[in-house]
Amino acid sequence: MEELFEYLELLRARMEFAEMFYGFSMNYVPLYINEEIIVFDKNDGKIKKLRSKQELNKEELKKYLPKIKENIENGFIDLLLTMNFHSIKTPED
């Protein structure tokens, strides 16, 4: 579990860098996409359900943790973080 939170801190830093570099605000990055979309909220550092914006409780986190870890290890989350940067319009465009 500690590894997950270390990764999320790194992810938050990467999101902040992307915001400065590309000039747009980014609040969430998906961690798990299926019947429910689970996101990392950069603003408060919590893992939430996108639909309700409510933080996952311990049981829910245990349920989604294996898939979140898999998505981290296989690079899926990094892909989601970067795949649409080229299509975002900045104030300079």
PDB file of N, CA and C in Angstrom:
ATOM      1  N   MET A   1       0.825  -1.192   0.000  1.00  0.00           N
ATOM      2  CA  MET A   1       0.000   0.000   0.000  1.00  0.00           C
ATOM      3  C   MET A   1       0.869   1.255   0.000  1.00  0.00           C
ATOM      4  N   GLU A   2       1.995   1.212   0.718  1.00  0.00           N
ATOM      5  CA  GLU A   2       2.889   2.369   0.770  1.00  0.00           C
ATOM      6  C   GLU A   2       3.439   2.685  -0.610  1.00  0.00           C
ATOM      7  N   GLU A   3       3.737   1.663  -1.397  1.00  0.00           N
ATOM      8  CA  GLU A   3       4.228   1.875  -2.754  1.00  0.00           C
ATOM      9  C   GLU A   3       3.216   2.642  -3.595  1.00  0.00           C
ATOM     10  N   LEU A   4       1.924   2.341  -3.396  1.00  0.00           N
ATOM     11  CA  LEU A   4       0.879   3.036  -4.133  1.00  0.00           C
ATOM     12  C   LEU A   4       0.913   4.527  -3.814  1.00  0.00           C
ATOM     13  N   PHE A   5       1.024   4.872  -2.552  1.00  0.00           N
ATOM     14  CA  PHE A   5       1.006   6.277  -2.177  1.00  0.00           C
ATOM     15  C   PHE A   5       2.270   6.999  -2.634  1.00  0.00           C
ATOM     16  N   GLU A   6       3.387   6.301  -2.675  1.00  0.00           N
ATOM     17  CA  GLU A   6       4.612   6.893  -3.231  1.00  0.00           C
ATOM     18  C   GLU A   6       4.426   7.167  -4.721  1.00  0.00           C
ATOM     19  N   TYR A   7       3.809   6.219  -5.428  1.00  0.00           N
ATOM     20  CA  TYR A   7       3.541   6.410  -6.848  1.00  0.00           C
ATOM     21  C   TYR A   7       2.596   7.595  -7.055  1.00  0.00           C
ATOM     22  N   LEU A   8       1.579   7.709  -6.216  1.00  0.00           N
ATOM     23  CA  LEU A   8       0.610   8.790  -6.369  1.00  0.00           C
ATOM     24  C   LEU A   8       1.255  10.157  -6.134  1.00  0.00           C
ATOM     25  N   GLU A   9       2.203  10.230  -5.237  1.00  0.00           N
ATOM     26  CA  GLU A   9       2.917  11.495  -5.034  1.00  0.00           C
ATOM     27  C   GLU A   9       3.731  11.850  -6.270  1.00  0.00           C
ATOM     28  N   LEU A  10       4.360  10.857  -6.878  1.00  0.00           N
ATOM     29  CA  LEU A  10       5.086  11.075  -8.123  1.00  0.00           C
ATOM     30  C   LEU A  10       4.123  11.486  -9.232  1.00  0.00           C
ATOM     31  N   LEU A  11       2.977  10.838  -9.292  1.00  0.00           N
ATOM     32  CA  LEU A  11       1.972  11.157 -10.293  1.00  0.00           C
ATOM     33  C   LEU A  11       1.479  12.593 -10.119  1.00  0.00           C
ATOM     34  N   ARG A  12       1.278  13.016  -8.883  1.00  0.00           N
ATOM     35  CA  ARG A  12       0.846  14.395  -8.623  1.00  0.00           C
ATOM     36  C   ARG A  12       1.886  15.385  -9.146  1.00  0.00           C
ATOM     37  N   ALA A  13       3.153  15.102  -8.907  1.00  0.00           N
ATOM     38  CA  ALA A  13       4.215  15.983  -9.392  1.00  0.00           C
ATOM     39  C   ALA A  13       4.225  16.029 -10.914  1.00  0.00           C
ATOM     40  N   ARG A  14       4.015  14.905 -11.547  1.00  0.00           N
ATOM     41  CA  ARG A  14       3.978  14.860 -13.013  1.00  0.00           C
ATOM     42  C   ARG A  14       2.790  15.640 -13.560  1.00  0.00           C
ATOM     43  N   MET A  15       1.651  15.550 -12.862  1.00  0.00           N
ATOM     44  CA  MET A  15       0.468  16.309 -13.276  1.00  0.00           C
ATOM     45  C   MET A  15       0.740  17.811 -13.163  1.00  0.00           C
ATOM     46  N   GLU A  16       1.367  18.226 -12.090  1.00  0.00           N
ATOM     47  CA  GLU A  16       1.679  19.642 -11.907  1.00  0.00           C
ATOM     48  C   GLU A  16       2.660  20.136 -12.968  1.00  0.00           C
ATOM     49  N   PHE A  17       3.639  19.303 -13.314  1.00  0.00           N
ATOM     50  CA  PHE A  17       4.574  19.663 -14.374  1.00  0.00           C
ATOM     51  C   PHE A  17       3.831  19.818 -15.699  1.00  0.00           C
ATOM     52  N   ALA A  18       2.945  18.878 -16.013  1.00  0.00           N
ATOM     53  CA  ALA A  18       2.184  18.949 -17.263  1.00  0.00           C
ATOM     54  C   ALA A  18       1.326  20.210 -17.299  1.00  0.00           C
ATOM     55  N   GLU A  19       0.765  20.585 -16.162  1.00  0.00           N
ATOM     56  CA  GLU A  19      -0.033  21.808 -16.112  1.00  0.00           C
ATOM     57  C   GLU A  19       0.819  23.031 -16.431  1.00  0.00           C
ATOM     58  N   MET A  20       1.998  23.099 -15.844  1.00  0.00           N
ATOM     59  CA  MET A  20       2.878  24.244 -16.108  1.00  0.00           C
ATOM     60  C   MET A  20       3.371  24.233 -17.557  1.00  0.00           C
ATOM     61  N   PHE A  21       3.748  23.065 -18.053  1.00  0.00           N
ATOM     62  CA  PHE A  21       4.321  22.956 -19.383  1.00  0.00           C
ATOM     63  C   PHE A  21       3.290  23.213 -20.475  1.00  0.00           C
ATOM     64  N   TYR A  22       2.093  22.622 -20.337  1.00  0.00           N
ATOM     65  CA  TYR A  22       1.076  22.729 -21.376  1.00  0.00           C
ATOM     66  C   TYR A  22       0.073  23.845 -21.121  1.00  0.00           C
ATOM     67  N   GLY A  23       0.030  24.391 -19.911  1.00  0.00           N
ATOM     68  CA  GLY A  23      -0.839  25.526 -19.626  1.00  0.00           C
ATOM     69  C   GLY A  23      -2.301  25.203 -19.446  1.00  0.00           C
ATOM     70  N   PHE A  24      -2.625  24.021 -18.977  1.00  0.00           N
ATOM     71  CA  PHE A  24      -4.016  23.683 -18.694  1.00  0.00           C
ATOM     72  C   PHE A  24      -4.101  23.021 -17.332  1.00  0.00           C
ATOM     73  N   SER A  25      -5.277  23.080 -16.749  1.00  0.00           N
ATOM     74  CA  SER A  25      -5.486  22.498 -15.429  1.00  0.00           C
ATOM     75  C   SER A  25      -5.906  21.043 -15.543  1.00  0.00           C
ATOM     76  N   MET A  26      -5.345  20.216 -14.699  1.00  0.00           N
ATOM     77  CA  MET A  26      -5.652  18.795 -14.684  1.00  0.00           C
ATOM     78  C   MET A  26      -5.963  18.402 -13.234  1.00  0.00           C
ATOM     79  N   ASN A  27      -7.190  18.000 -12.976  1.00  0.00           N
ATOM     80  CA  ASN A  27      -7.582  17.650 -11.614  1.00  0.00           C
ATOM     81  C   ASN A  27      -7.539  16.155 -11.327  1.00  0.00           C
ATOM     82  N   TYR A  28      -7.861  15.336 -12.331  1.00  0.00           N
ATOM     83  CA  TYR A  28      -7.985  13.895 -12.121  1.00  0.00           C
ATOM     84  C   TYR A  28      -7.203  13.106 -13.169  1.00  0.00           C
ATOM     85  N   VAL A  29      -6.701  11.950 -12.746  1.00  0.00           N
ATOM     86  CA  VAL A  29      -6.156  10.962 -13.674  1.00  0.00           C
ATOM     87  C   VAL A  29      -6.826   9.638 -13.339  1.00  0.00           C
ATOM     88  N   PRO A  30      -7.391   8.960 -14.330  1.00  0.00           N
ATOM     89  CA  PRO A  30      -8.012   7.663 -14.057  1.00  0.00           C
ATOM     90  C   PRO A  30      -6.976   6.633 -13.602  1.00  0.00           C
ATOM     91  N   LEU A  31      -7.344   5.865 -12.597  1.00  0.00           N
ATOM     92  CA  LEU A  31      -6.512   4.766 -12.113  1.00  0.00           C
ATOM     93  C   LEU A  31      -7.098   3.424 -12.522  1.00  0.00           C
ATOM     94  N   TYR A  32      -8.414   3.398 -12.690  1.00  0.00           N
ATOM     95  CA  TYR A  32      -9.125   2.161 -13.019  1.00  0.00           C
ATOM     96  C   TYR A  32     -10.360   2.543 -13.816  1.00  0.00           C
ATOM     97  N   ILE A  33     -10.556   1.866 -14.937  1.00  0.00           N
ATOM     98  CA  ILE A  33     -11.718   2.129 -15.784  1.00  0.00           C
ATOM     99  C   ILE A  33     -12.407   0.804 -16.058  1.00  0.00           C
ATOM    100  N   ASN A  34     -13.644   0.703 -15.620  1.00  0.00           N
ATOM    101  CA  ASN A  34     -14.470  -0.455 -15.909  1.00  0.00           C
ATOM    102  C   ASN A  34     -15.904  -0.064 -15.592  1.00  0.00           C
ATOM    103  N   GLU A  35     -16.587  -0.837 -14.765  1.00  0.00           N
ATOM    104  CA  GLU A  35     -17.958  -0.471 -14.406  1.00  0.00           C
ATOM    105  C   GLU A  35     -17.991   0.817 -13.594  1.00  0.00           C
ATOM    106  N   GLU A  36     -16.924   1.106 -12.923  1.00  0.00           N
ATOM    107  CA  GLU A  36     -16.761   2.338 -12.140  1.00  0.00           C
ATOM    108  C   GLU A  36     -15.426   2.957 -12.559  1.00  0.00           C
ATOM    109  N   ILE A  37     -15.396   4.270 -12.663  1.00  0.00           N
ATOM    110  CA  ILE A  37     -14.136   4.946 -12.968  1.00  0.00           C
ATOM    111  C   ILE A  37     -13.569   5.468 -11.661  1.00  0.00           C
ATOM    112  N   ILE A  38     -12.364   4.997 -11.342  1.00  0.00           N
ATOM    113  CA  ILE A  38     -11.673   5.380 -10.122  1.00  0.00           C
ATOM    114  C   ILE A  38     -10.549   6.320 -10.521  1.00  0.00           C
ATOM    115  N   VAL A  39     -10.472   7.474  -9.859  1.00  0.00           N
ATOM    116  CA  VAL A  39      -9.503   8.494 -10.235  1.00  0.00           C
ATOM    117  C   VAL A  39      -8.637   8.901  -9.053  1.00  0.00           C
ATOM    118  N   PHE A  40      -7.488   9.470  -9.387  1.00  0.00           N
ATOM    119  CA  PHE A  40      -6.639  10.127  -8.405  1.00  0.00           C
ATOM    120  C   PHE A  40      -6.924  11.613  -8.510  1.00  0.00           C
ATOM    121  N   ASP A  41      -7.303  12.239  -7.403  1.00  0.00           N
ATOM    122  CA  ASP A  41      -7.590  13.667  -7.352  1.00  0.00           C
ATOM    123  C   ASP A  41      -6.308  14.392  -6.951  1.00  0.00           C
ATOM    124  N   LYS A  42      -5.744  15.143  -7.874  1.00  0.00           N
ATOM    125  CA  LYS A  42      -4.486  15.836  -7.620  1.00  0.00           C
ATOM    126  C   LYS A  42      -4.616  16.874  -6.512  1.00  0.00           C
ATOM    127  N   ASN A  43      -5.785  17.483  -6.397  1.00  0.00           N
ATOM    128  CA  ASN A  43      -5.956  18.584  -5.456  1.00  0.00           C
ATOM    129  C   ASN A  43      -5.865  18.160  -3.997  1.00  0.00           C
ATOM    130  N   ASP A  44      -6.418  16.995  -3.671  1.00  0.00           N
ATOM    131  CA  ASP A  44      -6.364  16.559  -2.271  1.00  0.00           C
ATOM    132  C   ASP A  44      -5.618  15.240  -2.082  1.00  0.00           C
ATOM    133  N   GLY A  45      -5.122  14.651  -3.180  1.00  0.00           N
ATOM    134  CA  GLY A  45      -4.324  13.434  -3.096  1.00  0.00           C
ATOM    135  C   GLY A  45      -5.113  12.189  -2.744  1.00  0.00           C
ATOM    136  N   LYS A  46      -6.415  12.195  -2.973  1.00  0.00           N
ATOM    137  CA  LYS A  46      -7.256  11.059  -2.598  1.00  0.00           C
ATOM    138  C   LYS A  46      -7.678  10.260  -3.828  1.00  0.00           C
ATOM    139  N   ILE A  47      -8.009   9.009  -3.601  1.00  0.00           N
ATOM    140  CA  ILE A  47      -8.527   8.128  -4.640  1.00  0.00           C
ATOM    141  C   ILE A  47     -10.045   8.141  -4.508  1.00  0.00           C
ATOM    142  N   LYS A  48     -10.731   8.463  -5.620  1.00  0.00           N
ATOM    143  CA  LYS A  48     -12.176   8.688  -5.572  1.00  0.00           C
ATOM    144  C   LYS A  48     -12.895   8.000  -6.726  1.00  0.00           C
ATOM    145  N   LYS A  49     -14.197   7.864  -6.557  1.00  0.00           N
ATOM    146  CA  LYS A  49     -15.071   7.479  -7.661  1.00  0.00           C
ATOM    147  C   LYS A  49     -15.365   8.749  -8.444  1.00  0.00           C
ATOM    148  N   LEU A  50     -15.174   8.716  -9.745  1.00  0.00           N
ATOM    149  CA  LEU A  50     -15.376   9.906 -10.557  1.00  0.00           C
ATOM    150  C   LEU A  50     -16.832  10.373 -10.507  1.00  0.00           C
ATOM    151  N   ARG A  51     -17.750   9.452 -10.567  1.00  0.00           N
ATOM    152  CA  ARG A  51     -19.164   9.804 -10.632  1.00  0.00           C
ATOM    153  C   ARG A  51     -19.620  10.611  -9.420  1.00  0.00           C
ATOM    154  N   SER A  52     -19.237  10.186  -8.234  1.00  0.00           N
ATOM    155  CA  SER A  52     -19.717  10.830  -7.008  1.00  0.00           C
ATOM    156  C   SER A  52     -18.690  11.762  -6.372  1.00  0.00           C
ATOM    157  N   LYS A  53     -17.449  11.687  -6.821  1.00  0.00           N
ATOM    158  CA  LYS A  53     -16.330  12.448  -6.243  1.00  0.00           C
ATOM    159  C   LYS A  53     -16.096  12.106  -4.770  1.00  0.00           C
ATOM    160  N   GLN A  54     -16.574  10.940  -4.337  1.00  0.00           N
ATOM    161  CA  GLN A  54     -16.382  10.503  -2.957  1.00  0.00           C
ATOM    162  C   GLN A  54     -15.144   9.622  -2.859  1.00  0.00           C
ATOM    163  N   GLU A  55     -14.389   9.833  -1.785  1.00  0.00           N
ATOM    164  CA  GLU A  55     -13.188   9.048  -1.535  1.00  0.00           C
ATOM    165  C   GLU A  55     -13.567   7.591  -1.304  1.00  0.00           C
ATOM    166  N   LEU A  56     -12.729   6.688  -1.791  1.00  0.00           N
ATOM    167  CA  LEU A  56     -12.966   5.270  -1.550  1.00  0.00           C
ATOM    168  C   LEU A  56     -12.749   4.952  -0.078  1.00  0.00           C
ATOM    169  N   ASN A  57     -13.624   4.112   0.459  1.00  0.00           N
ATOM    170  CA  ASN A  57     -13.392   3.632   1.821  1.00  0.00           C
ATOM    171  C   ASN A  57     -12.398   2.469   1.749  1.00  0.00           C
ATOM    172  N   LYS A  58     -11.999   1.948   2.892  1.00  0.00           N
ATOM    173  CA  LYS A  58     -10.962   0.901   2.920  1.00  0.00           C
ATOM    174  C   LYS A  58     -11.369  -0.351   2.163  1.00  0.00           C
ATOM    175  N   GLU A  59     -12.625  -0.749   2.281  1.00  0.00           N
ATOM    176  CA  GLU A  59     -13.080  -1.957   1.571  1.00  0.00           C
ATOM    177  C   GLU A  59     -13.049  -1.747   0.062  1.00  0.00           C
ATOM    178  N   GLU A  60     -13.499  -0.569  -0.379  1.00  0.00           N
ATOM    179  CA  GLU A  60     -13.482  -0.277  -1.810  1.00  0.00           C
ATOM    180  C   GLU A  60     -12.052  -0.207  -2.330  1.00  0.00           C
ATOM    181  N   LEU A  61     -11.169   0.404  -1.562  1.00  0.00           N
ATOM    182  CA  LEU A  61      -9.772   0.493  -1.986  1.00  0.00           C
ATOM    183  C   LEU A  61      -9.163  -0.899  -2.111  1.00  0.00           C
ATOM    184  N   LYS A  62      -9.457  -1.787  -1.171  1.00  0.00           N
ATOM    185  CA  LYS A  62      -8.956  -3.169  -1.261  1.00  0.00           C
ATOM    186  C   LYS A  62      -9.487  -3.864  -2.510  1.00  0.00           C
ATOM    187  N   LYS A  63     -10.737  -3.564  -2.866  1.00  0.00           N
ATOM    188  CA  LYS A  63     -11.350  -4.172  -4.047  1.00  0.00           C
ATOM    189  C   LYS A  63     -10.634  -3.744  -5.329  1.00  0.00           C
ATOM    190  N   TYR A  64     -10.327  -2.455  -5.435  1.00  0.00           N
ATOM    191  CA  TYR A  64      -9.741  -1.920  -6.658  1.00  0.00           C
ATOM    192  C   TYR A  64      -8.222  -1.947  -6.686  1.00  0.00           C
ATOM    193  N   LEU A  65      -7.591  -2.137  -5.556  1.00  0.00           N
ATOM    194  CA  LEU A  65      -6.133  -2.051  -5.462  1.00  0.00           C
ATOM    195  C   LEU A  65      -5.385  -2.988  -6.421  1.00  0.00           C
ATOM    196  N   PRO A  66      -5.781  -4.261  -6.556  1.00  0.00           N
ATOM    197  CA  PRO A  66      -5.042  -5.135  -7.500  1.00  0.00           C
ATOM    198  C   PRO A  66      -5.060  -4.608  -8.935  1.00  0.00           C
ATOM    199  N   LYS A  67      -6.194  -4.109  -9.387  1.00  0.00           N
ATOM    200  CA  LYS A  67      -6.275  -3.600 -10.757  1.00  0.00           C
ATOM    201  C   LYS A  67      -5.527  -2.284 -10.899  1.00  0.00           C
ATOM    202  N   ILE A  68      -5.578  -1.429  -9.865  1.00  0.00           N
ATOM    203  CA  ILE A  68      -4.822  -0.180  -9.906  1.00  0.00           C
ATOM    204  C   ILE A  68      -3.327  -0.481  -9.998  1.00  0.00           C
ATOM    205  N   LYS A  69      -2.856  -1.437  -9.184  1.00  0.00           N
ATOM    206  CA  LYS A  69      -1.442  -1.825  -9.232  1.00  0.00           C
ATOM    207  C   LYS A  69      -1.073  -2.356 -10.615  1.00  0.00           C
ATOM    208  N   GLU A  70      -1.944  -3.164 -11.197  1.00  0.00           N
ATOM    209  CA  GLU A  70      -1.690  -3.697 -12.532  1.00  0.00           C
ATOM    210  C   GLU A  70      -1.605  -2.559 -13.554  1.00  0.00           C
ATOM    211  N   ASN A  71      -2.505  -1.581 -13.436  1.00  0.00           N
ATOM    212  CA  ASN A  71      -2.502  -0.450 -14.361  1.00  0.00           C
ATOM    213  C   ASN A  71      -1.246   0.409 -14.207  1.00  0.00           C
ATOM    214  N   ILE A  72      -0.720   0.501 -12.996  1.00  0.00           N
ATOM    215  CA  ILE A  72       0.536   1.223 -12.766  1.00  0.00           C
ATOM    216  C   ILE A  72       1.686   0.458 -13.402  1.00  0.00           C
ATOM    217  N   GLU A  73       1.760  -0.829 -13.125  1.00  0.00           N
ATOM    218  CA  GLU A  73       2.883  -1.654 -13.589  1.00  0.00           C
ATOM    219  C   GLU A  73       2.938  -1.785 -15.104  1.00  0.00           C
ATOM    220  N   ASN A  74       1.777  -1.851 -15.757  1.00  0.00           N
ATOM    221  CA  ASN A  74       1.805  -2.021 -17.209  1.00  0.00           C
ATOM    222  C   ASN A  74       1.826  -0.694 -17.972  1.00  0.00           C
ATOM    223  N   GLY A  75       1.876   0.434 -17.251  1.00  0.00           N
ATOM    224  CA  GLY A  75       1.994   1.738 -17.898  1.00  0.00           C
ATOM    225  C   GLY A  75       0.693   2.353 -18.370  1.00  0.00           C
ATOM    226  N   PHE A  76      -0.443   1.728 -18.066  1.00  0.00           N
ATOM    227  CA  PHE A  76      -1.733   2.227 -18.520  1.00  0.00           C
ATOM    228  C   PHE A  76      -2.027   3.626 -17.979  1.00  0.00           C
ATOM    229  N   ILE A  77      -1.722   3.868 -16.709  1.00  0.00           N
ATOM    230  CA  ILE A  77      -2.001   5.176 -16.109  1.00  0.00           C
ATOM    231  C   ILE A  77      -1.129   6.247 -16.749  1.00  0.00           C
ATOM    232  N   ASP A  78       0.135   5.930 -16.991  1.00  0.00           N
ATOM    233  CA  ASP A  78       1.018   6.884 -17.671  1.00  0.00           C
ATOM    234  C   ASP A  78       0.501   7.210 -19.065  1.00  0.00           C
ATOM    235  N   LEU A  79      -0.011   6.219 -19.746  1.00  0.00           N
ATOM    236  CA  LEU A  79      -0.585   6.427 -21.069  1.00  0.00           C
ATOM    237  C   LEU A  79      -1.770   7.381 -20.984  1.00  0.00           C
ATOM    238  N   LEU A  80      -2.661   7.155 -20.016  1.00  0.00           N
ATOM    239  CA  LEU A  80      -3.819   8.032 -19.859  1.00  0.00           C
ATOM    240  C   LEU A  80      -3.404   9.461 -19.534  1.00  0.00           C
ATOM    241  N   LEU A  81      -2.329   9.600 -18.786  1.00  0.00           N
ATOM    242  CA  LEU A  81      -1.845  10.925 -18.406  1.00  0.00           C
ATOM    243  C   LEU A  81      -1.353  11.708 -19.608  1.00  0.00           C
ATOM    244  N   THR A  82      -0.751  11.047 -20.578  1.00  0.00           N
ATOM    245  CA  THR A  82      -0.091  11.758 -21.669  1.00  0.00           C
ATOM    246  C   THR A  82      -0.760  11.657 -23.033  1.00  0.00           C
ATOM    247  N   MET A  83      -1.699  10.775 -23.238  1.00  0.00           N
ATOM    248  CA  MET A  83      -2.157  10.488 -24.598  1.00  0.00           C
ATOM    249  C   MET A  83      -2.882  11.628 -25.298  1.00  0.00           C
ATOM    250  N   ASN A  84      -3.487  12.550 -24.585  1.00  0.00           N
ATOM    251  CA  ASN A  84      -4.237  13.605 -25.253  1.00  0.00           C
ATOM    252  C   ASN A  84      -3.613  14.988 -25.134  1.00  0.00           C
ATOM    253  N   PHE A  85      -2.389  15.090 -24.671  1.00  0.00           N
ATOM    254  CA  PHE A  85      -1.772  16.399 -24.522  1.00  0.00           C
ATOM    255  C   PHE A  85      -1.723  17.162 -25.844  1.00  0.00           C
ATOM    256  N   HIS A  86      -1.477  16.467 -26.933  1.00  0.00           N
ATOM    257  CA  HIS A  86      -1.327  17.143 -28.219  1.00  0.00           C
ATOM    258  C   HIS A  86      -2.624  17.779 -28.699  1.00  0.00           C
ATOM    259  N   SER A  87      -3.782  17.331 -28.213  1.00  0.00           N
ATOM    260  CA  SER A  87      -5.042  17.850 -28.699  1.00  0.00           C
ATOM    261  C   SER A  87      -5.659  18.913 -27.794  1.00  0.00           C
ATOM    262  N   ILE A  88      -4.986  19.245 -26.720  1.00  0.00           N
ATOM    263  CA  ILE A  88      -5.515  20.248 -25.790  1.00  0.00           C
ATOM    264  C   ILE A  88      -5.113  21.624 -26.271  1.00  0.00           C
ATOM    265  N   LYS A  89      -6.080  22.519 -26.328  1.00  0.00           N
ATOM    266  CA  LYS A  89      -5.830  23.885 -26.766  1.00  0.00           C
ATOM    267  C   LYS A  89      -5.420  24.727 -25.559  1.00  0.00           C
ATOM    268  N   THR A  90      -4.345  25.445 -25.710  1.00  0.00           N
ATOM    269  CA  THR A  90      -3.867  26.328 -24.657  1.00  0.00           C
ATOM    270  C   THR A  90      -4.216  27.769 -25.026  1.00  0.00           C
ATOM    271  N   PRO A  91      -4.089  28.701 -24.096  1.00  0.00           N
ATOM    272  CA  PRO A  91      -4.376  30.103 -24.414  1.00  0.00           C
ATOM    273  C   PRO A  91      -3.520  30.651 -25.554  1.00  0.00           C
ATOM    274  N   GLU A  92      -2.374  30.051 -25.802  1.00  0.00           N
ATOM    275  CA  GLU A  92      -1.493  30.533 -26.863  1.00  0.00           C
ATOM    276  C   GLU A  92      -1.894  30.026 -28.239  1.00  0.00           C
ATOM    277  N   ASP A  93      -2.802  29.034 -28.316  1.00  0.00           N
ATOM    278  CA  ASP A  93      -3.213  28.456 -29.610  1.00  0.00           C
ATOM    279  C   ASP A  93      -4.207  29.340 -30.324  1.00  0.00           C
TER     280      ASP A  93
END
